[in-house]
Amino acid sequence: MERMILTPRLACIAALIPRGARLADIGTDHGKLPVSLLLSGRVAAAIGSDIRQGPLDHAARNAAEHGVALPLRLAAGLEAVRPEECDTVSIAGMGGQTIADILAAAPWTGDGEHLLLLQPMTMVYELRQWFWAHGYMIECETVCREERRYYVVLSVRGGGPVRVVPLSSCAFSPALLQAAGARDYLEKLLQREIRALEGMQSGSAVDRAVLDGQREIVRVIKQAWEELA
C-alpha cells in the first residue's frame, strides 16, 4: 500500500505528534493527516471531524483504501469529540479567529492534559494574544514553507498563567525565535508589515493610534530579526 503524501504544512504537524498519541483531527478534510499517521503507526488511534459531509466521504474512502480504522464525525469544531477520546488535537488551515472559537467552545482543551497542534492561516498575532489571555502556553513554534509562503505550527497546552499582552508583542513568541528558519520567517513578516505601514502613511484618514500601533509592530519585529543575525 502506498503511503499518503502530505503537504509540507501537514508533514510539519505530523512530525510534532507524539508517538502513540490518540489524535482528534479537526477540519480533517480528506483525512490525509490521520490516515498517514495511522498507516505509519505513529498514532494509536485517530478521529477525523469536519463540518462538511463531502470531505468526510472522501476521508472515508481514503481510510478504506489504505485499510485503516478512522472514525469520522460530522460536526463543527470539537462538538463531537469527548475529552477522554484524545490526548492530541490538530487543527490546520483555518483562520486564527476560527481556531480560537473552536477552543473556546471546548474548555477542556485548556486543562493542560491535551496537546494542541495548530496551524493558523490568518490572524496569527490575535491567536497568540488569545492564548495568553486564556492561560494557554505556547510550548513550541515550528516554521514551515509551502510553495512561496511561510507558515507556523504552534504547539500549545493549557494550564498556564493568564497574561494580558499587547498585540504588538504578539507578532511572535519566544518559542518562535528558537525555531529553525525563524529569521527568514521574520524577514518576510517584517517586509509585509513595512508595506502595511507605508500604505497607512500614504492614506488620508488613518487613526493615529492605529498608525502608532503599526509602527510598534514594525519596530518589534525588526529588533527581533536583527538580534537573530
Foldseek 3Di string as FASTA:
>chain_A
DDAQDDFQVLVVVLVPDAAQWEEEEEQCQLVRNVLNCVLVNRYPYYEYEYQDPVSVVNNVVSCVVSVHDYHYYNDQQCPPPDPVRGQEYEYEDAALVSVLVSCVVPVVQQVQRHKYKYWHPYPQLVNQQSCQQQAKDFPAWEWTDGDHDITIITTIYHDHHRDHDDSLVSPDDPRLLPYVCSLVNLVVVLVVLVVVLVVQVPDDDHDPVVNVSSVSSNVVSVVSNVVSD
